[in-house]
């Protein structure tokens, strides 16, 4: 019990004595929350490029699967422990969809506005993952048909709004990527079981409103 509680505290803080506690977080995601995870490719250790993968123009440096591929994501404790024992600095990548949460991501400023709008409406939110430039709001799994109907009902969908559904992925805290650290903007409740997440509909409405509001400049979109 002490080990589990300690792991959760490290997961929520993202740090252990000043160092990322990646294996503890990965085990919590996989074994306690049943979120399938796998190690990301990690930033280039030589610093010659943003990412350790062969693509010199990688747009998500260090924050994507490479070897193994996304289909290897698992909740198996032995596999997760083996991966991070051998690759202790690897980012934690969540395979979204299926039984795991999906996510809606958008630029950080617009995401902050979206959260404020949802708070004003009194809407309950689950965890929110924040990178240096983009935040991702975790939502309940959705189908492509459901997402298509939802987007069709919008007058305009900004191109900077991204969806991490079935077959997608997302880096989780306390990963370190080529763009910087991944943290919780809104962390799971301490000691909670599998975190609750909202349905996608209300989150998309707030995100579209935030992105189309006057005052959001082109670089932020």
Foldseek 3Di string as FASTA:
>chain_A
DVLLLVLLVCLQVQDDPRHGQQLSNLLCCQAQQVFFKDFFQAACPVPPALAPDPDRPDPWHLKAHDVVHPVPTHSDSVVSNVRCVVVVQTFIKTQAADQHWKKKKAFPVLVVQLVVVCVVVVHDFWWKKDDPTMIIGTAHADDPVVVVVLVVPDPDDDPRIDIRHHRGMGTAGQHAGSRGGMHIPPGGDRPDTNIDHHHCNSSRVSSRCSVPDPPQDPVRD
